[in-house]
Amino acid sequence: MKSRILVIDDESAIRDSLKMILEYDGYDVQGAATGQDGLVMVDRDQPELVLLDIKMAGMDGLEVLQRLKAGHEALPVVMISGHATVSTAVEATKLGAFDFIEKPLDQNRVVVSLRSALRERRLSVENSGLKRQLTERWQLV
């Protein structure tokens, strides 16, 4: 089954190029042009990972990240930006971003980061399921 990835970026060229790269690698990719559209798509389509631009008109990426983490804590978010500073990257990480990639995007760096984030997500889901099974089986009375 293909992993679903959502790209939230106000630049259509970035969305299109990421879609092409990631679909070639076997992912199912959707795009959103605004942070608000992205939040709606996350709730509706439940992607397994989000690529999120920091600098966008209206709602910026850090605000979108905060809202995503408030409602979807386990969802890995990889931040991308061509204008960010080290302090912005640190802030994004503190808010829960899995990784931070600078533009221009390196195809290999993007793919490696996504694979790592998806692997960590799968392990986290598996770990939670095993813990739940264990507590259901062995309850202290």
N, C-alpha and C. Protein backbone atom coordinates (compact mmCIF):
# COMPACT_ATOMS: atom_id res chain seq x y z
N MET A 1 0.83 -1.18 0.00
CA MET A 1 0.00 0.00 0.00
C MET A 1 0.88 1.25 0.00
N LYS A 2 0.54 2.21 -0.83
CA LYS A 2 1.31 3.44 -0.94
C LYS A 2 1.08 4.34 0.27
N SER A 3 2.15 4.94 0.75
CA SER A 3 2.02 5.92 1.82
C SER A 3 1.48 7.22 1.24
N ARG A 4 0.54 7.84 1.98
CA ARG A 4 -0.05 9.12 1.56
C ARG A 4 0.76 10.27 2.15
N ILE A 5 1.17 11.18 1.27
CA ILE A 5 1.94 12.34 1.69
C ILE A 5 1.21 13.59 1.22
N LEU A 6 1.15 14.58 2.11
CA LEU A 6 0.55 15.86 1.77
C LEU A 6 1.64 16.92 1.73
N VAL A 7 1.71 17.65 0.62
CA VAL A 7 2.67 18.75 0.47
C VAL A 7 1.88 20.06 0.60
N ILE A 8 2.23 20.86 1.61
CA ILE A 8 1.59 22.16 1.81
C ILE A 8 2.62 23.23 1.50
N ASP A 9 2.45 23.88 0.35
CA ASP A 9 3.38 24.92 -0.10
C ASP A 9 2.63 25.86 -1.03
N ASP A 10 2.86 27.16 -0.88
CA ASP A 10 2.14 28.13 -1.71
C ASP A 10 2.73 28.26 -3.11
N GLU A 11 3.88 27.64 -3.35
CA GLU A 11 4.49 27.68 -4.68
C GLU A 11 4.09 26.41 -5.44
N SER A 12 3.34 26.59 -6.52
CA SER A 12 2.86 25.43 -7.27
C SER A 12 4.01 24.65 -7.90
N ALA A 13 5.09 25.33 -8.27
CA ALA A 13 6.24 24.62 -8.86
C ALA A 13 6.86 23.65 -7.87
N ILE A 14 6.93 24.04 -6.60
CA ILE A 14 7.48 23.16 -5.56
C ILE A 14 6.54 21.97 -5.35
N ARG A 15 5.25 22.25 -5.23
CA ARG A 15 4.27 21.15 -5.06
C ARG A 15 4.36 20.17 -6.22
N ASP A 16 4.41 20.69 -7.44
CA ASP A 16 4.45 19.83 -8.62
C ASP A 16 5.73 19.01 -8.69
N SER A 17 6.86 19.64 -8.38
CA SER A 17 8.13 18.89 -8.47
C SER A 17 8.21 17.83 -7.37
N LEU A 18 7.74 18.15 -6.16
CA LEU A 18 7.73 17.15 -5.09
C LEU A 18 6.77 16.01 -5.43
N LYS A 19 5.64 16.34 -6.01
CA LYS A 19 4.67 15.30 -6.42
C LYS A 19 5.31 14.35 -7.43
N MET A 20 6.01 14.92 -8.41
CA MET A 20 6.65 14.09 -9.43
C MET A 20 7.73 13.20 -8.82
N ILE A 21 8.57 13.76 -7.98
CA ILE A 21 9.67 13.02 -7.35
C ILE A 21 9.11 11.89 -6.48
N LEU A 22 8.14 12.23 -5.64
CA LEU A 22 7.65 11.26 -4.67
C LEU A 22 6.76 10.20 -5.30
N GLU A 23 5.99 10.56 -6.31
CA GLU A 23 5.19 9.55 -7.00
C GLU A 23 6.09 8.56 -7.73
N TYR A 24 7.21 9.04 -8.25
CA TYR A 24 8.17 8.16 -8.90
C TYR A 24 8.72 7.15 -7.88
N ASP A 25 8.84 7.58 -6.62
CA ASP A 25 9.32 6.71 -5.55
C ASP A 25 8.22 5.83 -4.96
N GLY A 26 6.99 5.94 -5.48
CA GLY A 26 5.92 5.06 -5.05
C GLY A 26 4.98 5.62 -4.01
N TYR A 27 5.01 6.91 -3.76
CA TYR A 27 4.11 7.52 -2.79
C TYR A 27 2.87 8.08 -3.47
N ASP A 28 1.80 8.17 -2.71
CA ASP A 28 0.57 8.83 -3.15
C ASP A 28 0.64 10.25 -2.61
N VAL A 29 0.71 11.25 -3.49
CA VAL A 29 0.99 12.63 -3.08
C VAL A 29 -0.18 13.55 -3.44
N GLN A 30 -0.54 14.37 -2.47
CA GLN A 30 -1.54 15.41 -2.67
C GLN A 30 -0.90 16.75 -2.31
N GLY A 31 -1.47 17.83 -2.83
CA GLY A 31 -0.92 19.14 -2.55
C GLY A 31 -1.98 20.11 -2.06
N ALA A 32 -1.54 21.06 -1.24
CA ALA A 32 -2.40 22.14 -0.76
C ALA A 32 -1.63 23.44 -0.90
N ALA A 33 -2.31 24.48 -1.37
CA ALA A 33 -1.66 25.77 -1.63
C ALA A 33 -1.64 26.69 -0.42
N THR A 34 -2.46 26.41 0.59
CA THR A 34 -2.50 27.24 1.79
C THR A 34 -2.49 26.36 3.03
N GLY A 35 -2.11 26.97 4.14
CA GLY A 35 -2.13 26.25 5.40
C GLY A 35 -3.52 25.79 5.78
N GLN A 36 -4.51 26.65 5.57
CA GLN A 36 -5.88 26.30 5.91
C GLN A 36 -6.37 25.12 5.07
N ASP A 37 -6.08 25.13 3.76
CA ASP A 37 -6.45 23.99 2.91
C ASP A 37 -5.76 22.72 3.38
N GLY A 38 -4.51 22.85 3.77
CA GLY A 38 -3.75 21.70 4.26
C GLY A 38 -4.36 21.09 5.51
N LEU A 39 -4.78 21.94 6.44
CA LEU A 39 -5.40 21.44 7.67
C LEU A 39 -6.69 20.67 7.36
N VAL A 40 -7.48 21.20 6.43
CA VAL A 40 -8.71 20.52 6.03
C VAL A 40 -8.38 19.16 5.40
N MET A 41 -7.36 19.13 4.55
CA MET A 41 -6.99 17.88 3.88
C MET A 41 -6.45 16.85 4.86
N VAL A 42 -5.73 17.29 5.88
CA VAL A 42 -5.22 16.36 6.89
C VAL A 42 -6.39 15.70 7.62
N ASP A 43 -7.38 16.48 8.01
CA ASP A 43 -8.54 15.92 8.69
C ASP A 43 -9.33 14.98 7.79
N ARG A 44 -9.46 15.35 6.53
CA ARG A 44 -10.28 14.57 5.59
C ARG A 44 -9.55 13.32 5.08
N ASP A 45 -8.29 13.47 4.67
CA ASP A 45 -7.59 12.39 3.97
C ASP A 45 -6.63 11.59 4.85
N GLN A 46 -6.30 12.10 6.02
CA GLN A 46 -5.41 11.44 6.96
C GLN A 46 -4.11 10.94 6.32
N PRO A 47 -3.27 11.86 5.86
CA PRO A 47 -1.98 11.44 5.29
C PRO A 47 -1.07 10.86 6.37
N GLU A 48 -0.07 10.13 5.92
CA GLU A 48 0.88 9.54 6.86
C GLU A 48 2.05 10.46 7.15
N LEU A 49 2.19 11.52 6.33
CA LEU A 49 3.28 12.47 6.51
C LEU A 49 2.92 13.77 5.82
N VAL A 50 3.42 14.88 6.36
CA VAL A 50 3.19 16.19 5.76
C VAL A 50 4.53 16.87 5.50
N LEU A 51 4.70 17.39 4.28
CA LEU A 51 5.81 18.28 3.94
C LEU A 51 5.23 19.69 3.99
N LEU A 52 5.81 20.57 4.79
CA LEU A 52 5.20 21.86 5.07
C LEU A 52 6.19 23.00 4.90
N ASP A 53 5.83 23.97 4.05
CA ASP A 53 6.65 25.17 3.85
C ASP A 53 6.46 26.10 5.03
N ILE A 54 7.50 26.81 5.41
CA ILE A 54 7.39 27.74 6.54
C ILE A 54 6.80 29.07 6.12
N LYS A 55 7.31 29.65 5.05
CA LYS A 55 6.87 30.98 4.62
C LYS A 55 5.73 30.85 3.62
N MET A 56 4.51 31.17 4.08
CA MET A 56 3.35 31.16 3.20
C MET A 56 2.49 32.37 3.55
N ALA A 57 1.76 32.84 2.56
CA ALA A 57 0.83 33.95 2.81
C ALA A 57 -0.30 33.47 3.71
N GLY A 58 -0.84 34.37 4.49
CA GLY A 58 -1.91 33.99 5.41
C GLY A 58 -1.34 33.27 6.61
N MET A 59 -1.69 32.02 6.77
CA MET A 59 -1.21 31.22 7.89
C MET A 59 0.17 30.65 7.55
N ASP A 60 1.19 30.99 8.34
CA ASP A 60 2.53 30.49 8.03
C ASP A 60 2.70 29.05 8.52
N GLY A 61 3.79 28.44 8.11
CA GLY A 61 4.02 27.03 8.40
C GLY A 61 4.13 26.69 9.87
N LEU A 62 4.69 27.60 10.67
CA LEU A 62 4.81 27.32 12.10
C LEU A 62 3.44 27.26 12.78
N GLU A 63 2.53 28.12 12.35
CA GLU A 63 1.18 28.09 12.89
C GLU A 63 0.46 26.81 12.46
N VAL A 64 0.65 26.42 11.20
CA VAL A 64 0.06 25.17 10.71
C VAL A 64 0.62 24.00 11.50
N LEU A 65 1.93 24.01 11.74
CA LEU A 65 2.58 22.93 12.50
C LEU A 65 1.97 22.83 13.90
N GLN A 66 1.78 23.95 14.57
CA GLN A 66 1.18 23.93 15.90
C GLN A 66 -0.22 23.31 15.87
N ARG A 67 -1.00 23.69 14.90
CA ARG A 67 -2.37 23.16 14.80
C ARG A 67 -2.36 21.67 14.46
N LEU A 68 -1.42 21.27 13.58
CA LEU A 68 -1.32 19.84 13.24
C LEU A 68 -0.96 19.02 14.47
N LYS A 69 0.00 19.48 15.22
CA LYS A 69 0.46 18.73 16.39
C LYS A 69 -0.59 18.71 17.50
N ALA A 70 -1.43 19.75 17.55
CA ALA A 70 -2.49 19.77 18.56
C ALA A 70 -3.54 18.70 18.27
N GLY A 71 -3.83 18.44 17.00
CA GLY A 71 -4.86 17.48 16.66
C GLY A 71 -4.38 16.14 16.16
N HIS A 72 -3.12 16.09 15.73
CA HIS A 72 -2.55 14.86 15.14
C HIS A 72 -1.11 14.72 15.62
N GLU A 73 -0.96 14.44 16.89
CA GLU A 73 0.36 14.44 17.51
C GLU A 73 1.35 13.48 16.86
N ALA A 74 0.89 12.32 16.42
CA ALA A 74 1.78 11.30 15.86
C ALA A 74 2.13 11.54 14.39
N LEU A 75 1.48 12.52 13.75
CA LEU A 75 1.72 12.78 12.33
C LEU A 75 3.09 13.43 12.14
N PRO A 76 4.00 12.78 11.41
CA PRO A 76 5.30 13.41 11.17
C PRO A 76 5.19 14.56 10.17
N VAL A 77 5.86 15.65 10.49
CA VAL A 77 5.86 16.84 9.65
C VAL A 77 7.31 17.21 9.34
N VAL A 78 7.63 17.30 8.06
CA VAL A 78 8.95 17.72 7.61
C VAL A 78 8.81 19.14 7.07
N MET A 79 9.53 20.07 7.68
CA MET A 79 9.46 21.47 7.29
C MET A 79 10.43 21.73 6.13
N ILE A 80 10.00 22.60 5.19
CA ILE A 80 10.87 23.01 4.09
C ILE A 80 10.83 24.53 3.99
N SER A 81 11.97 25.12 3.66
CA SER A 81 11.99 26.58 3.53
C SER A 81 13.24 27.04 2.80
N GLY A 82 13.07 28.12 2.07
CA GLY A 82 14.20 28.75 1.40
C GLY A 82 14.62 30.03 2.08
N HIS A 83 13.89 30.46 3.10
CA HIS A 83 14.15 31.75 3.74
C HIS A 83 14.37 31.65 5.23
N ALA A 84 14.38 30.48 5.77
CA ALA A 84 14.41 30.33 7.22
C ALA A 84 15.82 30.46 7.79
N THR A 85 15.86 30.80 9.06
CA THR A 85 17.11 30.92 9.80
C THR A 85 17.27 29.70 10.70
N VAL A 86 18.42 29.61 11.33
CA VAL A 86 18.66 28.52 12.27
C VAL A 86 17.65 28.59 13.41
N SER A 87 17.35 29.78 13.89
CA SER A 87 16.39 29.91 14.99
C SER A 87 15.00 29.42 14.57
N THR A 88 14.62 29.64 13.32
CA THR A 88 13.34 29.15 12.82
C THR A 88 13.33 27.63 12.80
N ALA A 89 14.45 27.04 12.37
CA ALA A 89 14.55 25.58 12.35
C ALA A 89 14.47 25.00 13.76
N VAL A 90 15.12 25.66 14.71
CA VAL A 90 15.07 25.21 16.10
C VAL A 90 13.65 25.32 16.64
N GLU A 91 12.98 26.43 16.35
CA GLU A 91 11.60 26.61 16.80
C GLU A 91 10.69 25.54 16.22
N ALA A 92 10.86 25.24 14.92
CA ALA A 92 10.04 24.20 14.28
C ALA A 92 10.26 22.85 14.95
N THR A 93 11.50 22.56 15.28
CA THR A 93 11.82 21.30 15.94
C THR A 93 11.18 21.24 17.33
N LYS A 94 11.24 22.35 18.05
CA LYS A 94 10.61 22.40 19.37
C LYS A 94 9.11 22.20 19.29
N LEU A 95 8.51 22.67 18.20
CA LEU A 95 7.06 22.52 18.01
C LEU A 95 6.67 21.12 17.54
N GLY A 96 7.66 20.28 17.23
CA GLY A 96 7.36 18.90 16.88
C GLY A 96 7.69 18.48 15.47
N ALA A 97 8.36 19.33 14.69
CA ALA A 97 8.74 18.94 13.33
C ALA A 97 9.74 17.78 13.39
N PHE A 98 9.59 16.84 12.48
CA PHE A 98 10.50 15.69 12.42
C PHE A 98 11.85 16.11 11.86
N ASP A 99 11.83 16.95 10.82
CA ASP A 99 13.06 17.34 10.14
C ASP A 99 12.85 18.71 9.51
N PHE A 100 13.94 19.30 9.06
CA PHE A 100 13.91 20.62 8.44
C PHE A 100 14.83 20.57 7.23
N ILE A 101 14.29 20.85 6.05
CA ILE A 101 15.07 20.78 4.81
C ILE A 101 15.04 22.14 4.14
N GLU A 102 16.21 22.63 3.74
CA GLU A 102 16.31 23.92 3.08
C GLU A 102 16.12 23.80 1.57
N LYS A 103 15.50 24.83 0.99
CA LYS A 103 15.39 24.94 -0.47
C LYS A 103 16.66 25.59 -0.98
N PRO A 104 17.11 25.29 -2.16
CA PRO A 104 16.52 24.34 -3.10
C PRO A 104 16.63 22.92 -2.57
N LEU A 105 15.57 22.17 -2.78
CA LEU A 105 15.47 20.83 -2.23
C LEU A 105 16.36 19.85 -2.98
N ASP A 106 17.08 19.05 -2.22
CA ASP A 106 17.88 17.97 -2.78
C ASP A 106 17.00 16.72 -2.77
N GLN A 107 16.78 16.15 -3.93
CA GLN A 107 15.88 15.00 -4.08
C GLN A 107 16.24 13.87 -3.13
N ASN A 108 17.51 13.53 -3.03
CA ASN A 108 17.93 12.43 -2.16
C ASN A 108 17.67 12.75 -0.69
N ARG A 109 17.93 13.97 -0.29
CA ARG A 109 17.71 14.39 1.10
C ARG A 109 16.23 14.30 1.45
N VAL A 110 15.38 14.72 0.54
CA VAL A 110 13.93 14.65 0.78
C VAL A 110 13.48 13.22 0.95
N VAL A 111 13.89 12.35 0.04
CA VAL A 111 13.47 10.95 0.08
C VAL A 111 13.97 10.25 1.34
N VAL A 112 15.22 10.50 1.72
CA VAL A 112 15.78 9.88 2.93
C VAL A 112 15.03 10.36 4.17
N SER A 113 14.75 11.65 4.23
CA SER A 113 14.03 12.19 5.38
C SER A 113 12.62 11.60 5.48
N LEU A 114 11.93 11.50 4.35
CA LEU A 114 10.58 10.94 4.36
C LEU A 114 10.58 9.47 4.77
N ARG A 115 11.52 8.72 4.25
CA ARG A 115 11.61 7.30 4.63
C ARG A 115 11.85 7.15 6.13
N SER A 116 12.73 7.98 6.68
CA SER A 116 13.02 7.91 8.12
C SER A 116 11.79 8.28 8.94
N ALA A 117 11.10 9.34 8.53
CA ALA A 117 9.91 9.77 9.26
C ALA A 117 8.81 8.71 9.20
N LEU A 118 8.60 8.13 8.04
CA LEU A 118 7.57 7.10 7.90
C LEU A 118 7.94 5.84 8.68
N ARG A 119 9.21 5.49 8.69
CA ARG A 119 9.66 4.32 9.46
C ARG A 119 9.43 4.56 10.96
N GLU A 120 9.77 5.75 11.43
CA GLU A 120 9.56 6.07 12.84
C GLU A 120 8.08 6.05 13.19
N ARG A 121 7.25 6.55 12.29
CA ARG A 121 5.79 6.54 12.53
C ARG A 121 5.27 5.12 12.61
N ARG A 122 5.70 4.27 11.69
CA ARG A 122 5.24 2.87 11.70
C ARG A 122 5.66 2.16 12.99
N LEU A 123 6.91 2.40 13.42
CA LEU A 123 7.39 1.79 14.66
C LEU A 123 6.61 2.30 15.87
N SER A 124 6.27 3.56 15.87
CA SER A 124 5.50 4.14 16.97
C SER A 124 4.10 3.54 17.03
N VAL A 125 3.45 3.41 15.88
CA VAL A 125 2.12 2.81 15.82
C VAL A 125 2.18 1.35 16.27
N GLU A 126 3.19 0.62 15.80
CA GLU A 126 3.34 -0.78 16.19
C GLU A 126 3.58 -0.91 17.69
N ASN A 127 4.43 -0.04 18.23
CA ASN A 127 4.73 -0.06 19.65
C ASN A 127 3.48 0.22 20.48
N SER A 128 2.69 1.19 20.07
CA SER A 128 1.45 1.50 20.78
C SER A 128 0.49 0.32 20.75
N GLY A 129 0.39 -0.34 19.61
CA GLY A 129 -0.48 -1.51 19.50
C GLY A 129 -0.04 -2.65 20.39
N LEU A 130 1.27 -2.88 20.44
CA LEU A 130 1.79 -3.95 21.30
C LEU A 130 1.57 -3.63 22.78
N LYS A 131 1.75 -2.39 23.16
CA LYS A 131 1.50 -1.99 24.54
C LYS A 131 0.04 -2.19 24.91
N ARG A 132 -0.85 -1.82 23.99
CA ARG A 132 -2.28 -1.98 24.23
C ARG A 132 -2.62 -3.45 24.40
N GLN A 133 -2.07 -4.31 23.54
CA GLN A 133 -2.33 -5.75 23.65
C GLN A 133 -1.82 -6.30 24.98
N LEU A 134 -0.66 -5.84 25.39
CA LEU A 134 -0.07 -6.31 26.63
C LEU A 134 -0.92 -5.90 27.84
N THR A 135 -1.37 -4.65 27.85
CA THR A 135 -2.18 -4.20 28.99
C THR A 135 -3.55 -4.86 29.00
N GLU A 136 -4.09 -5.18 27.83
CA GLU A 136 -5.38 -5.88 27.78
C GLU A 136 -5.25 -7.30 28.28
N ARG A 137 -4.12 -7.90 28.01
CA ARG A 137 -3.91 -9.29 28.38
C ARG A 137 -3.56 -9.45 29.86
N TRP A 138 -2.73 -8.53 30.36
CA TRP A 138 -2.25 -8.65 31.72
C TRP A 138 -2.69 -7.44 32.54
N GLN A 139 -3.85 -7.52 33.13
CA GLN A 139 -4.34 -6.43 33.97
C GLN A 139 -4.22 -6.82 35.44
N LEU A 140 -3.75 -5.88 36.23
CA LEU A 140 -3.70 -6.11 37.67
C LEU A 140 -5.09 -5.90 38.25
N VAL A 141 -5.49 -6.83 39.08
CA VAL A 141 -6.82 -6.75 39.68
C VAL A 141 -6.69 -6.48 41.17
